[in-house]
Amino acid sequence: MNIKPNDEQTEYSEILISIKSRDSIHKYVEECLHKLKTGNVKIIGRQYAIMKAFSILEALKEKNEHFDYIIEYNNLT
């Protein structure tokens, strides 16, 4: 895992994870793989969607072994 310095400006495609059950993990994995072809992807899971975001990350690691990721936590109390 490579960690980039905070001062480095990087462009991301953002994917906001929904907690709705109709939005499957497979849908998000395919969207991430598609967007990874063109650049970096930021997966955002707020509140209860955090666990779904981790599940998506695990599924991505199974499909694509060679990618770097960074996990950031904001305002978790």
Protein backbone atom coordinates (compact mmCIF):
# COMPACT_ATOMS: atom_id res chain seq x y z
CA MET A 1 0.00 0.00 0.00
CA ASN A 2 1.42 3.38 -0.98
CA ILE A 3 0.41 6.45 0.98
CA LYS A 4 0.54 9.76 -0.87
CA PRO A 5 1.53 12.97 0.93
CA ASN A 6 -1.32 15.28 1.93
CA ASP A 7 0.04 18.14 -0.18
CA GLU A 8 -0.24 16.13 -3.41
CA GLN A 9 -3.33 17.15 -5.39
CA THR A 10 -4.96 14.18 -7.09
CA GLU A 11 -8.08 14.04 -9.25
CA TYR A 12 -10.66 11.44 -8.25
CA SER A 13 -13.89 10.04 -9.62
CA GLU A 14 -16.18 9.80 -6.61
CA ILE A 15 -18.63 7.00 -5.91
CA LEU A 16 -21.09 7.64 -3.08
CA ILE A 17 -22.26 4.39 -1.51
CA SER A 18 -25.96 4.07 -0.66
CA ILE A 19 -27.28 1.95 2.21
CA LYS A 20 -30.33 0.90 0.19
CA SER A 21 -30.49 -2.86 -0.26
CA ARG A 22 -31.37 -2.57 -3.96
CA ASP A 23 -27.91 -1.14 -4.65
CA SER A 24 -25.79 -4.27 -4.76
CA ILE A 25 -22.09 -4.51 -4.06
CA HIS A 26 -21.59 -6.01 -7.54
CA LYS A 27 -22.95 -2.81 -9.11
CA TYR A 28 -20.43 -0.67 -7.23
CA VAL A 29 -17.53 -3.04 -7.97
CA GLU A 30 -18.23 -2.88 -11.71
CA GLU A 31 -18.51 0.93 -11.56
CA CYS A 32 -15.19 1.17 -9.68
CA LEU A 33 -13.39 -1.13 -12.11
CA HIS A 34 -14.68 0.95 -15.03
CA LYS A 35 -13.58 4.23 -13.44
CA LEU A 36 -10.18 2.80 -12.42
CA LYS A 37 -9.36 2.46 -16.12
CA THR A 38 -9.43 6.26 -16.47
CA GLY A 39 -7.91 7.30 -13.15
CA ASN A 40 -8.33 7.24 -9.38
CA VAL A 41 -11.57 6.46 -7.58
CA LYS A 42 -12.72 7.71 -4.20
CA ILE A 43 -15.31 5.47 -2.53
CA ILE A 44 -17.38 7.41 -0.01
CA GLY A 45 -19.41 5.54 2.60
CA ARG A 46 -21.19 7.73 5.11
CA GLN A 47 -22.71 6.50 8.38
CA TYR A 48 -24.15 3.03 7.88
CA ALA A 49 -22.70 2.66 4.37
CA ILE A 50 -19.15 2.40 5.76
CA MET A 51 -19.41 -1.39 6.09
CA LYS A 52 -20.69 -1.65 2.51
CA ALA A 53 -17.69 0.43 1.35
CA PHE A 54 -15.31 -2.03 3.05
CA SER A 55 -17.12 -4.95 1.39
CA ILE A 56 -16.68 -3.25 -1.98
CA LEU A 57 -12.97 -2.76 -1.28
CA GLU A 58 -12.57 -6.45 -0.42
CA ALA A 59 -14.37 -7.47 -3.63
CA LEU A 60 -12.13 -5.13 -5.64
CA LYS A 61 -9.03 -6.68 -4.08
CA GLU A 62 -10.22 -10.11 -5.23
CA LYS A 63 -10.77 -8.94 -8.83
CA ASN A 64 -7.70 -6.72 -9.17
CA GLU A 65 -4.62 -7.59 -7.14
CA HIS A 66 -2.47 -4.68 -8.31
CA PHE A 67 -3.90 -1.44 -7.03
CA ASP A 68 -3.12 0.93 -4.18
CA TYR A 69 -5.69 2.20 -1.74
CA ILE A 70 -5.89 4.62 1.14
CA ILE A 71 -8.49 4.51 3.89
CA GLU A 72 -9.44 7.82 5.52
CA TYR A 73 -11.76 8.36 8.45
CA ASN A 74 -13.48 11.69 9.06
CA ASN A 75 -15.64 12.68 12.02
CA LEU A 76 -16.05 9.23 13.53
CA THR A 77 -17.05 9.66 17.16
